[in-house]
C-alpha atoms as a PDB file:
ATOM      1  CA  MET A   1      92.729 137.172  98.503  1.00  0.00           C
ATOM      2  CA  ASN A   2      94.559 133.836  98.449  1.00  0.00           C
ATOM      3  CA  LEU A   3      93.304 130.360  99.310  1.00  0.00           C
ATOM      4  CA  ILE A   4      96.244 128.681 101.012  1.00  0.00           C
ATOM      5  CA  SER A   5      94.189 127.075 103.794  1.00  0.00           C
ATOM      6  CA  ILE A   6      90.480 126.364 104.059  1.00  0.00           C
ATOM      7  CA  ALA A   7      90.688 128.542 107.185  1.00  0.00           C
ATOM      8  CA  ASP A   8      91.482 131.542 104.961  1.00  0.00           C
ATOM      9  CA  LEU A   9      87.732 131.540 104.364  1.00  0.00           C
ATOM     10  CA  SER A  10      85.139 132.664 106.882  1.00  0.00           C
ATOM     11  CA  ILE A  11      81.909 130.733 107.315  1.00  0.00           C
ATOM     12  CA  ALA A  12      80.220 133.522 105.331  1.00  0.00           C
ATOM     13  CA  ASP A  13      82.746 133.015 102.507  1.00  0.00           C
ATOM     14  CA  ILE A  14      82.156 129.266 102.537  1.00  0.00           C
ATOM     15  CA  MET A  15      78.373 129.576 102.413  1.00  0.00           C
ATOM     16  CA  ASP A  16      78.650 132.105  99.595  1.00  0.00           C
ATOM     17  CA  ILE A  17      80.870 129.724  97.607  1.00  0.00           C
ATOM     18  CA  LEU A  18      78.533 126.772  98.216  1.00  0.00           C
ATOM     19  CA  GLU A  19      75.465 128.742  97.140  1.00  0.00           C
ATOM     20  CA  LYS A  20      77.254 129.901  93.985  1.00  0.00           C
ATOM     21  CA  ALA A  21      78.365 126.309  93.324  1.00  0.00           C
ATOM     22  CA  GLU A  22      74.837 124.935  93.659  1.00  0.00           C
ATOM     23  CA  ASN A  23      73.515 127.605  91.315  1.00  0.00           C
ATOM     24  CA  MET A  24      76.164 126.995  88.666  1.00  0.00           C
ATOM     25  CA  LYS A  25      75.773 123.216  88.980  1.00  0.00           C
ATOM     26  CA  GLU A  26      72.060 123.542  88.242  1.00  0.00           C
ATOM     27  CA  LYS A  27      72.672 125.899  85.314  1.00  0.00           C
ATOM     28  CA  ARG A  28      75.208 123.482  83.834  1.00  0.00           C
ATOM     29  CA  LYS A  29      72.623 120.683  84.024  1.00  0.00           C
ATOM     30  CA  GLN A  30      70.241 122.947  82.113  1.00  0.00           C
ATOM     31  CA  GLY A  31      72.882 123.687  79.497  1.00  0.00           C
ATOM     32  CA  LYS A  32      73.056 127.364  80.419  1.00  0.00           C
ATOM     33  CA  THR A  33      76.374 129.186  80.142  1.00  0.00           C
ATOM     34  CA  VAL A  34      77.751 131.457  82.847  1.00  0.00           C
ATOM     35  CA  ASP A  35      80.525 133.574  81.294  1.00  0.00           C
ATOM     36  CA  LEU A  36      81.603 135.239  84.510  1.00  0.00           C
ATOM     37  CA  LEU A  37      85.343 134.990  83.793  1.00  0.00           C
ATOM     38  CA  ARG A  38      85.463 135.998  80.152  1.00  0.00           C
ATOM     39  CA  ASN A  39      88.962 137.198  79.160  1.00  0.00           C
ATOM     40  CA  LYS A  40      90.386 135.948  82.485  1.00  0.00           C
ATOM     41  CA  SER A  41      93.294 133.485  82.601  1.00  0.00           C
ATOM     42  CA  LEU A  42      94.439 131.035  85.269  1.00  0.00           C
ATOM     43  CA  ALA A  43      97.987 129.682  85.410  1.00  0.00           C
ATOM     44  CA  MET A  44      98.065 126.116  86.769  1.00  0.00           C
ATOM     45  CA  LEU A  45     101.477 125.019  88.060  1.00  0.00           C
ATOM     46  CA  PHE A  46     102.082 121.355  88.847  1.00  0.00           C
ATOM     47  CA  GLU A  47     105.068 120.151  90.834  1.00  0.00           C
ATOM     48  CA  LYS A  48     103.095 116.960  91.614  1.00  0.00           C
ATOM     49  CA  PRO A  49     100.829 114.676  89.517  1.00  0.00           C
ATOM     50  CA  SER A  50      97.132 115.481  89.196  1.00  0.00           C
ATOM     51  CA  THR A  51      93.912 114.200  87.655  1.00  0.00           C
ATOM     52  CA  ARG A  52      90.862 115.749  89.342  1.00  0.00           C
ATOM     53  CA  THR A  53      92.502 119.060  90.230  1.00  0.00           C
ATOM     54  CA  ARG A  54      93.873 119.664  86.751  1.00  0.00           C
ATOM     55  CA  VAL A  55      90.757 118.627  84.844  1.00  0.00           C
ATOM     56  CA  SER A  56      88.263 120.344  87.142  1.00  0.00           C
ATOM     57  CA  PHE A  57      90.106 123.677  87.152  1.00  0.00           C
ATOM     58  CA  GLU A  58      90.681 123.605  83.397  1.00  0.00           C
ATOM     59  CA  VAL A  59      87.031 122.777  82.653  1.00  0.00           C
ATOM     60  CA  ALA A  60      85.891 125.327  85.229  1.00  0.00           C
ATOM     61  CA  MET A  61      87.755 128.142  83.519  1.00  0.00           C
ATOM     62  CA  SER A  62      86.446 127.043  80.120  1.00  0.00           C
ATOM     63  CA  ASP A  63      82.839 126.862  81.359  1.00  0.00           C
ATOM     64  CA  LEU A  64      83.184 130.346  82.834  1.00  0.00           C
ATOM     65  CA  GLY A  65      84.450 131.795  79.559  1.00  0.00           C
ATOM     66  CA  GLY A  66      88.063 132.023  80.677  1.00  0.00           C
ATOM     67  CA  HIS A  67      91.284 130.226  79.864  1.00  0.00           C
ATOM     68  CA  ALA A  68      93.567 127.910  81.847  1.00  0.00           C
ATOM     69  CA  LEU A  69      97.260 127.316  81.145  1.00  0.00           C
ATOM     70  CA  CYS A  70      98.588 123.991  82.431  1.00  0.00           C
ATOM     71  CA  MET A  71     102.320 124.087  83.168  1.00  0.00           C
ATOM     72  CA  ASN A  72     104.443 121.245  84.476  1.00  0.00           C
ATOM     73  CA  TRP A  73     107.195 122.330  86.871  1.00  0.00           C
ATOM     74  CA  GLN A  74     109.938 120.661  84.849  1.00  0.00           C
ATOM     75  CA  ASP A  75     108.729 122.185  81.582  1.00  0.00           C
ATOM     76  CA  MET A  76     109.118 125.715  82.968  1.00  0.00           C
ATOM     77  CA  GLN A  77     112.216 127.697  83.797  1.00  0.00           C
ATOM     78  CA  LEU A  78     111.489 126.720  87.406  1.00  0.00           C
ATOM     79  CA  GLY A  79     112.879 123.330  86.453  1.00  0.00           C
ATOM     80  CA  ARG A  80     116.132 125.006  85.377  1.00  0.00           C
ATOM     81  CA  GLY A  81     116.649 127.085  88.486  1.00  0.00           C
ATOM     82  CA  GLU A  82     114.540 130.235  88.070  1.00  0.00           C
ATOM     83  CA  SER A  83     113.324 131.333  91.479  1.00  0.00           C
ATOM     84  CA  ILE A  84     109.707 130.995  92.504  1.00  0.00           C
ATOM     85  CA  GLU A  85     109.736 134.677  93.442  1.00  0.00           C
ATOM     86  CA  ASP A  86     110.761 135.748  89.931  1.00  0.00           C
ATOM     87  CA  THR A  87     108.227 133.371  88.364  1.00  0.00           C
ATOM     88  CA  ALA A  88     105.488 134.832  90.579  1.00  0.00           C
ATOM     89  CA  ARG A  89     106.272 138.386  89.520  1.00  0.00           C
ATOM     90  CA  VAL A  90     106.344 137.455  85.823  1.00  0.00           C
ATOM     91  CA  LEU A  91     103.100 135.485  85.927  1.00  0.00           C
ATOM     92  CA  SER A  92     101.439 138.363  87.774  1.00  0.00           C
ATOM     93  CA  GLY A  93     101.869 140.427  84.608  1.00  0.00           C
ATOM     94  CA  TYR A  94     100.247 137.797  82.384  1.00  0.00           C
ATOM     95  CA  VAL A  95      97.359 136.071  84.173  1.00  0.00           C
ATOM     96  CA  ASN A  96      94.597 136.817  86.673  1.00  0.00           C
ATOM     97  CA  GLY A  97      95.260 133.993  89.123  1.00  0.00           C
ATOM     98  CA  ILE A  98      97.587 131.098  89.932  1.00  0.00           C
ATOM     99  CA  MET A  99      96.606 127.619  91.053  1.00  0.00           C
ATOM    100  CA  MET A 100      99.537 125.606  92.324  1.00  0.00           C
ATOM    101  CA  ARG A 101     100.045 121.960  93.355  1.00  0.00           C
ATOM    102  CA  ALA A 102     103.438 121.859  95.040  1.00  0.00           C
ATOM    103  CA  GLU A 103     105.426 121.631  98.229  1.00  0.00           C
ATOM    104  CA  HIS A 104     103.836 123.880 100.830  1.00  0.00           C
ATOM    105  CA  SER A 105     106.961 126.030 101.228  1.00  0.00           C
ATOM    106  CA  ASN A 106     106.971 126.698  97.471  1.00  0.00           C
ATOM    107  CA  LEU A 107     103.289 127.642  97.556  1.00  0.00           C
ATOM    108  CA  LEU A 108     103.969 130.166 100.323  1.00  0.00           C
ATOM    109  CA  LYS A 109     106.813 131.717  98.310  1.00  0.00           C
ATOM    110  CA  MET A 110     104.523 132.062  95.306  1.00  0.00           C
ATOM    111  CA  ALA A 111     101.750 133.645  97.367  1.00  0.00           C
ATOM    112  CA  LYS A 112     104.158 136.106  98.997  1.00  0.00           C
ATOM    113  CA  SER A 113     105.606 137.336  95.698  1.00  0.00           C
ATOM    114  CA  ALA A 114     102.560 137.240  93.401  1.00  0.00           C
ATOM    115  CA  SER A 115     100.299 140.273  93.122  1.00  0.00           C
ATOM    116  CA  LEU A 116      97.204 138.223  92.278  1.00  0.00           C
ATOM    117  CA  PRO A 117      95.181 135.421  93.932  1.00  0.00           C
ATOM    118  CA  VAL A 118      97.060 132.170  94.567  1.00  0.00           C
ATOM    119  CA  ILE A 119      95.121 128.946  95.146  1.00  0.00           C
ATOM    120  CA  ASN A 120      96.385 125.847  96.920  1.00  0.00           C
ATOM    121  CA  GLY A 121      95.707 122.924  94.563  1.00  0.00           C
ATOM    122  CA  LEU A 122      97.232 120.514  97.126  1.00  0.00           C
ATOM    123  CA  THR A 123     100.322 120.543  99.293  1.00  0.00           C
ATOM    124  CA  GLU A 124     101.549 118.066 101.874  1.00  0.00           C
ATOM    125  CA  LEU A 125      99.820 120.182 104.565  1.00  0.00           C
ATOM    126  CA  GLU A 126      96.368 120.948 103.141  1.00  0.00           C
ATOM    127  CA  HIS A 127      93.940 120.433 100.259  1.00  0.00           C
ATOM    128  CA  PRO A 128      91.357 123.218 100.696  1.00  0.00           C
ATOM    129  CA  CYS A 129      89.769 122.865  97.253  1.00  0.00           C
ATOM    130  CA  GLN A 130      88.909 119.270  98.094  1.00  0.00           C
ATOM    131  CA  SER A 131      87.287 120.423 101.323  1.00  0.00           C
ATOM    132  CA  LEU A 132      85.049 122.875  99.459  1.00  0.00           C
ATOM    133  CA  ALA A 133      83.788 120.045  97.239  1.00  0.00           C
ATOM    134  CA  ASP A 134      83.322 117.867 100.323  1.00  0.00           C
ATOM    135  CA  LEU A 135      81.257 120.551 102.051  1.00  0.00           C
ATOM    136  CA  LEU A 136      79.141 120.974  98.927  1.00  0.00           C
ATOM    137  CA  THR A 137      78.484 117.220  98.880  1.00  0.00           C
ATOM    138  CA  ILE A 138      77.619 117.038 102.581  1.00  0.00           C
ATOM    139  CA  ARG A 139      75.267 120.009 102.229  1.00  0.00           C
ATOM    140  CA  GLU A 140      73.516 118.332  99.289  1.00  0.00           C
ATOM    141  CA  TYR A 141      72.992 115.053 101.138  1.00  0.00           C
ATOM    142  CA  LYS A 142      72.511 116.246 104.719  1.00  0.00           C
ATOM    143  CA  GLY A 143      71.099 119.742 104.301  1.00  0.00           C
ATOM    144  CA  LYS A 144      73.147 121.070 107.209  1.00  0.00           C
ATOM    145  CA  PHE A 145      76.545 120.966 108.910  1.00  0.00           C
ATOM    146  CA  SER A 146      76.015 121.873 112.553  1.00  0.00           C
ATOM    147  CA  GLY A 147      76.022 118.879 114.871  1.00  0.00           C
ATOM    148  CA  LEU A 148      76.923 116.259 112.266  1.00  0.00           C
ATOM    149  CA  LYS A 149      79.439 113.593 113.256  1.00  0.00           C
ATOM    150  CA  PHE A 150      82.286 113.360 110.733  1.00  0.00           C
ATOM    151  CA  GLY A 151      84.281 110.144 111.136  1.00  0.00           C
ATOM    152  CA  TRP A 152      87.709 110.081 109.515  1.00  0.00           C
ATOM    153  CA  ILE A 153      89.378 106.655 109.365  1.00  0.00           C
ATOM    154  CA  GLY A 154      92.984 106.408 108.182  1.00  0.00           C
ATOM    155  CA  ASP A 155      95.980 108.682 107.769  1.00  0.00           C
ATOM    156  CA  GLY A 156      95.993 112.117 109.410  1.00  0.00           C
ATOM    157  CA  ASN A 157      97.192 113.614 106.131  1.00  0.00           C
ATOM    158  CA  ASN A 158      96.637 116.842 104.174  1.00  0.00           C
ATOM    159  CA  VAL A 159      92.992 116.116 103.347  1.00  0.00           C
ATOM    160  CA  CYS A 160      92.398 115.203 106.977  1.00  0.00           C
ATOM    161  CA  ASN A 161      93.989 118.499 108.073  1.00  0.00           C
ATOM    162  CA  SER A 162      91.692 120.508 105.819  1.00  0.00           C
ATOM    163  CA  SER A 163      88.698 118.432 106.934  1.00  0.00           C
ATOM    164  CA  ILE A 164      89.467 119.234 110.572  1.00  0.00           C
ATOM    165  CA  LEU A 165      89.484 122.961 109.845  1.00  0.00           C
ATOM    166  CA  ALA A 166      86.389 122.725 107.628  1.00  0.00           C
ATOM    167  CA  CYS A 167      84.519 120.965 110.426  1.00  0.00           C
ATOM    168  CA  ALA A 168      85.593 123.644 112.907  1.00  0.00           C
ATOM    169  CA  LEU A 169      84.324 126.388 110.599  1.00  0.00           C
ATOM    170  CA  THR A 170      80.967 124.729 109.901  1.00  0.00           C
ATOM    171  CA  GLY A 171      80.136 123.220 113.293  1.00  0.00           C
ATOM    172  CA  MET A 172      80.651 119.537 112.511  1.00  0.00           C
ATOM    173  CA  ASN A 173      82.192 117.276 115.157  1.00  0.00           C
ATOM    174  CA  ILE A 174      85.101 115.306 113.734  1.00  0.00           C
ATOM    175  CA  ILE A 175      86.684 112.176 115.168  1.00  0.00           C
ATOM    176  CA  VAL A 176      89.937 111.106 113.513  1.00  0.00           C
ATOM    177  CA  ALA A 177      90.831 107.425 113.911  1.00  0.00           C
ATOM    178  CA  CYS A 178      94.421 106.731 112.912  1.00  0.00           C
ATOM    179  CA  PRO A 179      97.301 104.478 113.989  1.00  0.00           C
ATOM    180  CA  LYS A 180      99.690 105.949 116.535  1.00  0.00           C
ATOM    181  CA  GLY A 181     102.297 108.058 114.793  1.00  0.00           C
ATOM    182  CA  TYR A 182      99.967 109.092 111.977  1.00  0.00           C
ATOM    183  CA  GLU A 183      98.026 111.840 113.764  1.00  0.00           C
ATOM    184  CA  PRO A 184      97.044 115.100 112.036  1.00  0.00           C
ATOM    185  CA  ASP A 185      99.365 118.110 112.160  1.00  0.00           C
ATOM    186  CA  THR A 186      99.581 119.538 115.701  1.00  0.00           C
ATOM    187  CA  LYS A 187      99.397 123.139 114.458  1.00  0.00           C
ATOM    188  CA  ILE A 188      96.222 122.292 112.551  1.00  0.00           C
ATOM    189  CA  LEU A 189      94.707 120.798 115.714  1.00  0.00           C
ATOM    190  CA  LYS A 190      95.524 123.951 117.677  1.00  0.00           C
ATOM    191  CA  GLN A 191      94.131 126.131 114.901  1.00  0.00           C
ATOM    192  CA  SER A 192      90.942 124.081 114.899  1.00  0.00           C
ATOM    193  CA  LYS A 193      90.573 124.531 118.648  1.00  0.00           C
ATOM    194  CA  ASP A 194      91.088 128.278 118.297  1.00  0.00           C
ATOM    195  CA  LEU A 195      88.285 128.308 115.708  1.00  0.00           C
ATOM    196  CA  GLY A 196      85.983 126.614 118.201  1.00  0.00           C
ATOM    197  CA  GLY A 197      86.274 123.173 116.642  1.00  0.00           C
ATOM    198  CA  ASN A 198      85.455 119.905 118.372  1.00  0.00           C
ATOM    199  CA  THR A 199      88.161 117.501 117.182  1.00  0.00           C
ATOM    200  CA  LYS A 200      88.894 114.169 118.828  1.00  0.00           C
ATOM    201  CA  ILE A 201      91.794 111.846 118.022  1.00  0.00           C
ATOM    202  CA  THR A 202      91.337 108.124 118.634  1.00  0.00           C
ATOM    203  CA  TYR A 203      93.205 104.957 117.719  1.00  0.00           C
ATOM    204  CA  ASP A 204      89.978 102.953 117.444  1.00  0.00           C
ATOM    205  CA  PRO A 205      88.190 103.029 114.048  1.00  0.00           C
ATOM    206  CA  GLN A 206      84.974 101.827 115.676  1.00  0.00           C
ATOM    207  CA  GLU A 207      84.833 104.955 117.821  1.00  0.00           C
ATOM    208  CA  ALA A 208      85.003 107.145 114.715  1.00  0.00           C
ATOM    209  CA  ALA A 209      82.380 105.049 112.924  1.00  0.00           C
ATOM    210  CA  LYS A 210      79.808 104.789 115.731  1.00  0.00           C
ATOM    211  CA  ASN A 211      76.710 106.883 114.875  1.00  0.00           C
ATOM    212  CA  ALA A 212      78.636 108.780 112.186  1.00  0.00           C
ATOM    213  CA  ASP A 213      76.746 110.895 109.652  1.00  0.00           C
ATOM    214  CA  VAL A 214      79.799 111.020 107.379  1.00  0.00           C
ATOM    215  CA  LEU A 215      82.576 108.453 106.992  1.00  0.00           C
ATOM    216  CA  TYR A 216      85.703 109.549 105.132  1.00  0.00           C
ATOM    217  CA  THR A 217      88.964 107.881 104.206  1.00  0.00           C
ATOM    218  CA  ASP A 218      91.977 108.457 101.970  1.00  0.00           C
ATOM    219  CA  VAL A 219      94.878 106.361 100.715  1.00  0.00           C
ATOM    220  CA  TRP A 220      97.310 104.958 103.265  1.00  0.00           C
ATOM    221  CA  VAL A 221     100.273 105.858 101.060  1.00  0.00           C
ATOM    222  CA  SER A 222     100.163 109.439  99.732  1.00  0.00           C
ATOM    223  CA  MET A 223     102.378 110.904  96.994  1.00  0.00           C
ATOM    224  CA  SER A 224     105.132 111.873  99.422  1.00  0.00           C
ATOM    225  CA  ASP A 225     105.048 108.564 101.326  1.00  0.00           C
ATOM    226  CA  GLU A 226     105.976 105.931  98.702  1.00  0.00           C
ATOM    227  CA  THR A 227     109.246 105.022 100.452  1.00  0.00           C
ATOM    228  CA  GLN A 228     107.244 104.089 103.575  1.00  0.00           C
ATOM    229  CA  LYS A 229     104.764 101.810 101.790  1.00  0.00           C
ATOM    230  CA  LYS A 230     105.692  98.491 103.422  1.00  0.00           C
ATOM    231  CA  ARG A 231     105.559  99.967 106.939  1.00  0.00           C
ATOM    232  CA  ARG A 232     102.358 101.884 106.272  1.00  0.00           C
ATOM    233  CA  MET A 233     100.566  98.840 104.880  1.00  0.00           C
ATOM    234  CA  ARG A 234     101.374  97.048 108.131  1.00  0.00           C
ATOM    235  CA  ASP A 235     100.497  99.945 110.434  1.00  0.00           C
ATOM    236  CA  PHE A 236      97.139 100.742 108.832  1.00  0.00           C
ATOM    237  CA  LYS A 237      95.784  97.200 108.935  1.00  0.00           C
ATOM    238  CA  GLY A 238      92.327  97.411 110.496  1.00  0.00           C
ATOM    239  CA  PHE A 239      91.714 101.016 109.424  1.00  0.00           C
ATOM    240  CA  GLN A 240      89.575 100.137 106.423  1.00  0.00           C
ATOM    241  CA  ILE A 241      86.044 101.339 105.666  1.00  0.00           C
ATOM    242  CA  ASN A 242      84.051  98.183 104.994  1.00  0.00           C
ATOM    243  CA  ALA A 243      80.574  96.751 105.595  1.00  0.00           C
ATOM    244  CA  ASP A 244      81.262  96.115 109.291  1.00  0.00           C
ATOM    245  CA  VAL A 245      82.309  99.746 109.796  1.00  0.00           C
ATOM    246  CA  ILE A 246      79.255 101.085 107.972  1.00  0.00           C
ATOM    247  CA  LYS A 247      76.954  99.025 110.202  1.00  0.00           C
ATOM    248  CA  MET A 248      78.217 101.019 113.181  1.00  0.00           C
ATOM    249  CA  ALA A 249      77.308 104.356 111.585  1.00  0.00           C
ATOM    250  CA  LYS A 250      73.870 105.892 111.157  1.00  0.00           C
ATOM    251  CA  ASN A 251      71.527 104.262 108.660  1.00  0.00           C
ATOM    252  CA  ASP A 252      71.816 107.234 106.307  1.00  0.00           C
ATOM    253  CA  VAL A 253      75.606 107.620 106.592  1.00  0.00           C
ATOM    254  CA  ILE A 254      77.416 108.834 103.490  1.00  0.00           C
ATOM    255  CA  VAL A 255      80.835 107.418 102.598  1.00  0.00           C
ATOM    256  CA  MET A 256      83.404 109.784 101.113  1.00  0.00           C
ATOM    257  CA  HIS A 257      86.863 109.450  99.555  1.00  0.00           C
ATOM    258  CA  CYS A 258      88.844 112.189  97.815  1.00  0.00           C
ATOM    259  CA  LEU A 259      90.297 109.725  95.250  1.00  0.00           C
ATOM    260  CA  PRO A 260      92.369 108.162  93.851  1.00  0.00           C
ATOM    261  CA  ALA A 261      91.367 105.071  95.839  1.00  0.00           C
ATOM    262  CA  HIS A 262      93.437 101.968  96.402  1.00  0.00           C
ATOM    263  CA  ARG A 263      90.597  99.469  96.330  1.00  0.00           C
ATOM    264  CA  GLY A 264      91.037  96.738  98.914  1.00  0.00           C
ATOM    265  CA  GLU A 265      93.313  98.832 101.117  1.00  0.00           C
ATOM    266  CA  GLU A 266      91.719 101.847 102.839  1.00  0.00           C
ATOM    267  CA  ILE A 267      88.265 100.955 101.476  1.00  0.00           C
ATOM    268  CA  ASP A 268      86.547  97.709 100.534  1.00  0.00           C
ATOM    269  CA  PRO A 269      85.992  97.710  96.745  1.00  0.00           C
ATOM    270  CA  GLU A 270      82.274  96.966  97.171  1.00  0.00           C
ATOM    271  CA  ILE A 271      81.791 100.035  99.375  1.00  0.00           C
ATOM    272  CA  ILE A 272      82.914 102.413  96.631  1.00  0.00           C
ATOM    273  CA  ASP A 273      79.837 101.376  94.619  1.00  0.00           C
ATOM    274  CA  ASP A 274      77.586 100.891  97.671  1.00  0.00           C
ATOM    275  CA  PRO A 275      74.364 102.968  98.009  1.00  0.00           C
ATOM    276  CA  HIS A 276      75.996 104.787 100.958  1.00  0.00           C
ATOM    277  CA  SER A 277      78.856 105.954  98.723  1.00  0.00           C
ATOM    278  CA  VAL A 278      78.778 109.517  97.365  1.00  0.00           C
ATOM    279  CA  ILE A 279      82.369 109.312  96.180  1.00  0.00           C
ATOM    280  CA  PHE A 280      81.810 110.053  92.499  1.00  0.00           C
ATOM    281  CA  GLU A 281      79.279 112.806  93.170  1.00  0.00           C
ATOM    282  CA  GLN A 282      81.923 114.244  95.507  1.00  0.00           C
ATOM    283  CA  ALA A 283      84.516 114.064  92.721  1.00  0.00           C
ATOM    284  CA  GLY A 284      82.133 115.781  90.312  1.00  0.00           C
ATOM    285  CA  ASN A 285      81.553 118.538  92.844  1.00  0.00           C
ATOM    286  CA  ARG A 286      85.206 119.543  92.552  1.00  0.00           C
ATOM    287  CA  LEU A 287      84.210 121.265  89.296  1.00  0.00           C
ATOM    288  CA  HIS A 288      81.301 123.225  90.738  1.00  0.00           C
ATOM    289  CA  ALA A 289      83.013 124.229  93.991  1.00  0.00           C
ATOM    290  CA  GLN A 290      86.064 125.444  92.100  1.00  0.00           C
ATOM    291  CA  LYS A 291      83.986 127.403  89.616  1.00  0.00           C
ATOM    292  CA  ALA A 292      82.408 129.231  92.533  1.00  0.00           C
ATOM    293  CA  LEU A 293      85.814 129.774  94.141  1.00  0.00           C
ATOM    294  CA  LEU A 294      87.268 131.146  90.908  1.00  0.00           C
ATOM    295  CA  VAL A 295      84.374 133.561  90.493  1.00  0.00           C
ATOM    296  CA  LYS A 296      84.869 134.766  94.065  1.00  0.00           C
ATOM    297  CA  LEU A 297      88.624 135.271  93.685  1.00  0.00           C
ATOM    298  CA  LEU A 298      88.960 136.353  90.043  1.00  0.00           C
ATOM    299  CA  GLY A 299      85.529 137.715  89.128  1.00  0.00           C
END
């Protein structure tokens, strides 16, 4: 089984992962070890920069008694022209799983040619591992998913795409507020509808914020968008999560951000440390959600 999209998981899979994550999170707090992946190895391939994904997967494998190998694209023969298909077949003889942060087309090539689980560590289309940590955080703070209003304010990017599918799978109602021209992927929207999702696109941040249980944002300029920075900074003006936006949401709203944050752009700096913010708990949950995912796929 691969994890290319969050929609590769059923709701039963997701709940199983979240329950495992909660259990392992509690055991880690108690200092108890869970060596469920002893003698297992994970190859981590990075075509793009990473902080949380790299550290959380590496620590996860270590905590579970396994081993992670971190490999930069340019330090491998991939950087000298070896095909992804050949690399996939070779790695399949060495390790038990592959986590890859790369262009989506390269991830698909790896998954097609590898004979072991391949995990999407972020592409320009989706970030399913982030969504698992997000769901774990929402479950911890809200105790449920069904019927919650999930307000996304900002770019309809990869994290937004995965959030749309995650909401469809778990019964949350998501409203995406973005400037015109920055809507989520149309295929993702269709897929969400096919899954029974209730997704609404608006160009008014206030509509997304009104009575929201969850408010979520991400950077206006993602890794693949640096050349568009000047235009994006202009177009996204007014799509910031700040005190005025939070006032429109429910009193117990939680504010989320997948990080890294550009303080003062997509989110007011004070909000990151506001009592409504669960941003750093959310970041910490990357470790626990990915441990549970690894156990499910490699255990």
